[in-house]
Amino acid sequence: MTDIQAHLRFLPQSAQKVRLVIDIVRGKNANEALETLKFVNKRAAEPIYKLVASAVANAEENFGVSRDDLFVAAITADEAPTRKWRRFGARGRFKPLFRRSSHVTVVLRERGA
């Protein structure tokens, strides 16, 4: 049984916010995860939907696995490089701004077999 993987790199959103969305779909069937992500009211839901859909397409095209047999075995959001901006504040002070980004990995497996 092989793992089907898909990666999303440099998503311009913090890993902490992305984890709120991926926790919803972890362990679900692939079809159920895609249906759930359509109705999640978070900005990270759309790129995660595309990532899971891409992993399902990889499984069907490259491994010949039916999408009905797949489930989300693992999905992680790790921190990517942080871009550091600066804003100048009152009295000559310096206010740092951190533009965080994340790397997301999804692993699908075939149920049973």
N, C-alpha and C. Protein backbone atom coordinates (compact mmCIF):
# COMPACT_ATOMS: atom_id res chain seq x y z
N MET A 1 0.86 -1.18 0.00
CA MET A 1 0.00 0.00 0.00
C MET A 1 0.90 1.24 0.00
N THR A 2 0.72 2.09 -0.99
CA THR A 2 1.56 3.28 -1.10
C THR A 2 0.83 4.50 -0.58
N ASP A 3 1.62 5.45 -0.14
CA ASP A 3 1.07 6.73 0.28
C ASP A 3 1.06 7.68 -0.90
N ILE A 4 -0.04 8.37 -1.09
CA ILE A 4 -0.15 9.37 -2.14
C ILE A 4 0.01 10.72 -1.48
N GLN A 5 1.00 11.48 -1.93
CA GLN A 5 1.31 12.76 -1.29
C GLN A 5 1.10 13.91 -2.25
N ALA A 6 0.81 15.06 -1.66
CA ALA A 6 0.79 16.32 -2.40
C ALA A 6 1.29 17.40 -1.44
N HIS A 7 2.02 18.35 -1.98
CA HIS A 7 2.63 19.40 -1.16
C HIS A 7 2.16 20.77 -1.64
N LEU A 8 1.97 21.65 -0.70
CA LEU A 8 1.69 23.06 -0.99
C LEU A 8 2.74 23.85 -0.25
N ARG A 9 3.58 24.57 -0.99
CA ARG A 9 4.70 25.26 -0.36
C ARG A 9 4.49 26.76 -0.46
N PHE A 10 4.95 27.46 0.56
CA PHE A 10 4.92 28.92 0.64
C PHE A 10 3.51 29.50 0.55
N LEU A 11 2.57 28.87 1.25
CA LEU A 11 1.22 29.43 1.36
C LEU A 11 1.31 30.69 2.21
N PRO A 12 0.88 31.84 1.70
CA PRO A 12 1.08 33.09 2.43
C PRO A 12 0.09 33.28 3.58
N GLN A 13 0.09 32.35 4.51
CA GLN A 13 -0.75 32.42 5.69
C GLN A 13 -0.04 31.64 6.80
N SER A 14 -0.22 32.07 8.03
CA SER A 14 0.51 31.44 9.12
C SER A 14 0.06 29.99 9.32
N ALA A 15 1.00 29.16 9.75
CA ALA A 15 0.71 27.75 9.98
C ALA A 15 -0.34 27.59 11.07
N GLN A 16 -0.35 28.49 12.03
CA GLN A 16 -1.32 28.41 13.13
C GLN A 16 -2.75 28.53 12.59
N LYS A 17 -2.98 29.43 11.64
CA LYS A 17 -4.32 29.60 11.06
C LYS A 17 -4.68 28.45 10.13
N VAL A 18 -3.69 27.92 9.42
CA VAL A 18 -3.95 26.81 8.50
C VAL A 18 -4.31 25.55 9.30
N ARG A 19 -3.69 25.37 10.47
CA ARG A 19 -3.97 24.18 11.28
C ARG A 19 -5.41 24.12 11.74
N LEU A 20 -6.06 25.26 11.90
CA LEU A 20 -7.48 25.26 12.28
C LEU A 20 -8.33 24.58 11.22
N VAL A 21 -7.94 24.73 9.95
CA VAL A 21 -8.69 24.13 8.84
C VAL A 21 -8.32 22.66 8.66
N ILE A 22 -7.01 22.35 8.73
CA ILE A 22 -6.63 20.96 8.43
C ILE A 22 -7.05 20.00 9.53
N ASP A 23 -7.25 20.51 10.75
CA ASP A 23 -7.73 19.64 11.82
C ASP A 23 -9.14 19.12 11.54
N ILE A 24 -9.90 19.86 10.74
CA ILE A 24 -11.27 19.47 10.41
C ILE A 24 -11.29 18.23 9.51
N VAL A 25 -10.33 18.11 8.59
CA VAL A 25 -10.39 17.06 7.57
C VAL A 25 -9.50 15.85 7.87
N ARG A 26 -8.67 15.93 8.88
CA ARG A 26 -7.76 14.81 9.17
C ARG A 26 -8.55 13.56 9.52
N GLY A 27 -8.23 12.44 8.83
CA GLY A 27 -8.88 11.16 9.10
C GLY A 27 -10.16 10.90 8.33
N LYS A 28 -10.67 11.90 7.60
CA LYS A 28 -11.92 11.71 6.87
C LYS A 28 -11.68 11.06 5.51
N ASN A 29 -12.75 10.54 4.92
CA ASN A 29 -12.68 10.07 3.54
C ASN A 29 -12.36 11.25 2.63
N ALA A 30 -11.72 10.99 1.50
CA ALA A 30 -11.31 12.07 0.60
C ALA A 30 -12.51 12.86 0.09
N ASN A 31 -13.58 12.15 -0.32
CA ASN A 31 -14.77 12.84 -0.83
C ASN A 31 -15.43 13.68 0.27
N GLU A 32 -15.48 13.13 1.47
CA GLU A 32 -16.08 13.83 2.59
C GLU A 32 -15.25 15.07 2.96
N ALA A 33 -13.93 14.94 2.89
CA ALA A 33 -13.05 16.07 3.20
C ALA A 33 -13.24 17.21 2.19
N LEU A 34 -13.37 16.85 0.91
CA LEU A 34 -13.58 17.88 -0.12
C LEU A 34 -14.92 18.58 0.07
N GLU A 35 -15.96 17.81 0.40
CA GLU A 35 -17.27 18.41 0.63
C GLU A 35 -17.25 19.34 1.85
N THR A 36 -16.56 18.93 2.90
CA THR A 36 -16.47 19.75 4.11
C THR A 36 -15.74 21.05 3.83
N LEU A 37 -14.64 20.97 3.09
CA LEU A 37 -13.82 22.16 2.82
C LEU A 37 -14.55 23.21 1.99
N LYS A 38 -15.53 22.78 1.20
CA LYS A 38 -16.28 23.75 0.41
C LYS A 38 -17.03 24.74 1.28
N PHE A 39 -17.41 24.31 2.50
CA PHE A 39 -18.27 25.13 3.34
C PHE A 39 -17.58 25.70 4.58
N VAL A 40 -16.26 25.52 4.67
CA VAL A 40 -15.52 26.08 5.80
C VAL A 40 -15.28 27.55 5.51
N ASN A 41 -15.62 28.40 6.47
CA ASN A 41 -15.56 29.84 6.26
C ASN A 41 -14.23 30.41 6.77
N LYS A 42 -13.13 29.92 6.19
CA LYS A 42 -11.79 30.40 6.52
C LYS A 42 -11.03 30.60 5.22
N ARG A 43 -10.08 31.55 5.22
CA ARG A 43 -9.34 31.84 4.00
C ARG A 43 -8.47 30.66 3.58
N ALA A 44 -7.99 29.88 4.53
CA ALA A 44 -7.11 28.75 4.23
C ALA A 44 -7.87 27.58 3.60
N ALA A 45 -9.19 27.59 3.65
CA ALA A 45 -9.97 26.44 3.18
C ALA A 45 -9.82 26.23 1.67
N GLU A 46 -9.75 27.30 0.88
CA GLU A 46 -9.66 27.15 -0.57
C GLU A 46 -8.35 26.51 -1.01
N PRO A 47 -7.17 26.99 -0.56
CA PRO A 47 -5.94 26.31 -0.97
C PRO A 47 -5.84 24.87 -0.45
N ILE A 48 -6.39 24.59 0.73
CA ILE A 48 -6.37 23.23 1.25
C ILE A 48 -7.28 22.34 0.40
N TYR A 49 -8.43 22.88 -0.03
CA TYR A 49 -9.33 22.14 -0.92
C TYR A 49 -8.60 21.76 -2.21
N LYS A 50 -7.89 22.73 -2.79
CA LYS A 50 -7.16 22.47 -4.03
C LYS A 50 -6.07 21.42 -3.82
N LEU A 51 -5.41 21.47 -2.66
CA LEU A 51 -4.35 20.51 -2.36
C LEU A 51 -4.90 19.09 -2.24
N VAL A 52 -6.00 18.92 -1.51
CA VAL A 52 -6.60 17.59 -1.36
C VAL A 52 -7.12 17.09 -2.70
N ALA A 53 -7.72 17.97 -3.49
CA ALA A 53 -8.21 17.59 -4.82
C ALA A 53 -7.05 17.15 -5.72
N SER A 54 -5.92 17.83 -5.59
CA SER A 54 -4.73 17.46 -6.37
C SER A 54 -4.21 16.09 -5.94
N ALA A 55 -4.21 15.82 -4.65
CA ALA A 55 -3.75 14.52 -4.16
C ALA A 55 -4.67 13.40 -4.65
N VAL A 56 -5.98 13.67 -4.66
CA VAL A 56 -6.94 12.68 -5.17
C VAL A 56 -6.71 12.43 -6.66
N ALA A 57 -6.47 13.49 -7.41
CA ALA A 57 -6.19 13.35 -8.84
C ALA A 57 -4.89 12.57 -9.07
N ASN A 58 -3.87 12.82 -8.23
CA ASN A 58 -2.62 12.05 -8.33
C ASN A 58 -2.89 10.57 -8.12
N ALA A 59 -3.71 10.25 -7.13
CA ALA A 59 -4.01 8.85 -6.82
C ALA A 59 -4.73 8.17 -7.98
N GLU A 60 -5.69 8.86 -8.55
CA GLU A 60 -6.46 8.27 -9.66
C GLU A 60 -5.60 8.11 -10.91
N GLU A 61 -4.83 9.13 -11.23
CA GLU A 61 -4.08 9.14 -12.48
C GLU A 61 -2.82 8.27 -12.41
N ASN A 62 -2.06 8.40 -11.33
CA ASN A 62 -0.75 7.73 -11.26
C ASN A 62 -0.81 6.34 -10.66
N PHE A 63 -1.77 6.09 -9.76
CA PHE A 63 -1.81 4.81 -9.06
C PHE A 63 -3.05 4.00 -9.37
N GLY A 64 -4.03 4.57 -10.08
CA GLY A 64 -5.24 3.85 -10.45
C GLY A 64 -6.13 3.50 -9.27
N VAL A 65 -6.11 4.34 -8.24
CA VAL A 65 -6.91 4.09 -7.05
C VAL A 65 -8.21 4.87 -7.16
N SER A 66 -9.32 4.25 -6.78
CA SER A 66 -10.61 4.93 -6.81
C SER A 66 -10.69 5.97 -5.69
N ARG A 67 -11.30 7.11 -5.97
CA ARG A 67 -11.39 8.17 -4.97
C ARG A 67 -12.29 7.79 -3.80
N ASP A 68 -13.16 6.80 -4.00
CA ASP A 68 -14.04 6.36 -2.92
C ASP A 68 -13.30 5.56 -1.85
N ASP A 69 -12.13 4.99 -2.21
CA ASP A 69 -11.36 4.18 -1.27
C ASP A 69 -10.32 4.99 -0.49
N LEU A 70 -10.17 6.27 -0.80
CA LEU A 70 -9.11 7.07 -0.19
C LEU A 70 -9.57 7.77 1.09
N PHE A 71 -8.63 7.94 2.01
CA PHE A 71 -8.88 8.77 3.19
C PHE A 71 -7.63 9.59 3.51
N VAL A 72 -7.81 10.66 4.25
CA VAL A 72 -6.71 11.55 4.60
C VAL A 72 -5.98 10.93 5.79
N ALA A 73 -4.85 10.29 5.51
CA ALA A 73 -4.09 9.61 6.56
C ALA A 73 -3.34 10.62 7.42
N ALA A 74 -2.75 11.61 6.78
CA ALA A 74 -2.00 12.63 7.53
C ALA A 74 -2.05 13.94 6.76
N ILE A 75 -2.13 15.03 7.49
CA ILE A 75 -2.07 16.35 6.88
C ILE A 75 -1.41 17.27 7.91
N THR A 76 -0.36 17.95 7.47
CA THR A 76 0.41 18.79 8.39
C THR A 76 0.63 20.17 7.79
N ALA A 77 0.76 21.15 8.68
CA ALA A 77 1.11 22.51 8.28
C ALA A 77 2.33 22.92 9.08
N ASP A 78 3.43 23.16 8.38
CA ASP A 78 4.68 23.55 9.02
C ASP A 78 5.01 24.99 8.66
N GLU A 79 5.83 25.61 9.48
CA GLU A 79 6.20 27.00 9.22
C GLU A 79 7.16 27.08 8.05
N ALA A 80 6.95 28.08 7.23
CA ALA A 80 7.82 28.40 6.10
C ALA A 80 8.57 29.69 6.46
N PRO A 81 9.42 30.18 5.58
CA PRO A 81 10.15 31.41 5.92
C PRO A 81 9.23 32.58 6.22
N THR A 82 9.62 33.38 7.18
CA THR A 82 8.86 34.56 7.57
C THR A 82 9.52 35.78 6.95
N ARG A 83 8.72 36.57 6.24
CA ARG A 83 9.25 37.83 5.69
C ARG A 83 9.11 38.90 6.74
N LYS A 84 10.17 39.63 6.99
CA LYS A 84 10.15 40.65 8.03
C LYS A 84 10.04 42.03 7.39
N TRP A 85 8.95 42.70 7.71
CA TRP A 85 8.70 44.06 7.24
C TRP A 85 9.00 45.01 8.38
N ARG A 86 9.03 46.30 8.09
CA ARG A 86 9.19 47.27 9.16
C ARG A 86 8.22 48.41 8.99
N ARG A 87 7.75 48.89 10.10
CA ARG A 87 6.90 50.07 10.11
C ARG A 87 7.46 50.99 11.18
N PHE A 88 7.50 52.25 10.87
CA PHE A 88 8.07 53.19 11.82
C PHE A 88 6.95 53.77 12.67
N GLY A 89 7.16 53.75 13.97
CA GLY A 89 6.14 54.17 14.91
C GLY A 89 6.44 55.55 15.47
N ALA A 90 5.68 55.94 16.46
CA ALA A 90 5.83 57.24 17.08
C ALA A 90 7.16 57.33 17.83
N ARG A 91 7.66 58.50 17.98
CA ARG A 91 8.88 58.82 18.74
C ARG A 91 10.09 58.08 18.19
N GLY A 92 10.14 57.90 16.88
CA GLY A 92 11.30 57.29 16.25
C GLY A 92 11.46 55.80 16.52
N ARG A 93 10.40 55.16 16.91
CA ARG A 93 10.50 53.73 17.22
C ARG A 93 10.25 52.89 15.97
N PHE A 94 10.58 51.65 16.11
CA PHE A 94 10.55 50.71 15.00
C PHE A 94 9.55 49.61 15.35
N LYS A 95 8.58 49.37 14.47
CA LYS A 95 7.55 48.35 14.71
C LYS A 95 7.74 47.22 13.70
N PRO A 96 8.21 46.05 14.13
CA PRO A 96 8.38 44.95 13.17
C PRO A 96 7.04 44.32 12.80
N LEU A 97 6.92 43.92 11.54
CA LEU A 97 5.77 43.18 11.04
C LEU A 97 6.28 41.85 10.50
N PHE A 98 5.65 40.77 10.87
CA PHE A 98 6.06 39.46 10.40
C PHE A 98 5.00 38.91 9.46
N ARG A 99 5.38 38.70 8.21
CA ARG A 99 4.48 38.08 7.23
C ARG A 99 4.80 36.60 7.20
N ARG A 100 3.99 35.83 7.89
CA ARG A 100 4.29 34.40 8.02
C ARG A 100 3.72 33.61 6.85
N SER A 101 4.37 32.49 6.57
CA SER A 101 3.88 31.60 5.51
C SER A 101 4.03 30.16 6.01
N SER A 102 3.48 29.22 5.25
CA SER A 102 3.47 27.84 5.71
C SER A 102 3.61 26.86 4.55
N HIS A 103 4.08 25.66 4.89
CA HIS A 103 4.15 24.53 3.97
C HIS A 103 3.11 23.51 4.44
N VAL A 104 2.28 23.02 3.52
CA VAL A 104 1.25 22.04 3.87
C VAL A 104 1.51 20.75 3.09
N THR A 105 1.42 19.62 3.77
CA THR A 105 1.60 18.31 3.15
C THR A 105 0.39 17.45 3.48
N VAL A 106 -0.14 16.77 2.47
CA VAL A 106 -1.27 15.86 2.69
C VAL A 106 -0.84 14.47 2.20
N VAL A 107 -1.21 13.45 2.98
CA VAL A 107 -0.93 12.06 2.64
C VAL A 107 -2.25 11.31 2.61
N LEU A 108 -2.55 10.71 1.46
CA LEU A 108 -3.77 9.90 1.31
C LEU A 108 -3.38 8.42 1.29
N ARG A 109 -4.25 7.60 1.86
CA ARG A 109 -4.05 6.14 1.82
C ARG A 109 -5.32 5.47 1.36
N GLU A 110 -5.15 4.25 0.87
CA GLU A 110 -6.30 3.46 0.44
C GLU A 110 -6.87 2.73 1.65
N ARG A 111 -8.18 2.79 1.82
CA ARG A 111 -8.81 2.14 2.96
C ARG A 111 -8.87 0.63 2.74
N GLY A 112 -8.71 -0.12 3.80
CA GLY A 112 -8.76 -1.57 3.68
C GLY A 112 -7.51 -2.12 3.04
N ALA A 113 -7.68 -2.81 1.94
CA ALA A 113 -6.60 -3.41 1.15
C ALA A 113 -5.53 -3.93 2.03
